[in-house]
């Protein structure tokens, strides 16, 4: 009985040694690990960020006024479109109301 267990252990050892040999062969062909990305972003001067801090972008008063005027025009166009679609809905609903009222009238002879 003991000889059977020893024989099983020997076969297991041989199998593990073969697996280890295969792993050692592939150990040299591993892809190199990439360096981790540095902390922070590119504009900070913290760990890994050697760039100067980006300056805040400022708009001139003229540019701000042009943006404001453009936005006012967009709001006006949206308001006009909403009013015209509302007017169309009211017209079509009043027409359908008139048609249904005509159908409901009793027939006169």
Foldseek 3Di string as FASTA:
>chain_A
DVVVVVVVVVVVVVVVVVVVVVCVVCVVVDDDDDDDDFPDDQQDVPTPRPDHHDDDDDDDPVVVVVVVVVVVVVVVVVVVVVVVVVVVVVVVVVVVVVVVVVVPDDDDD
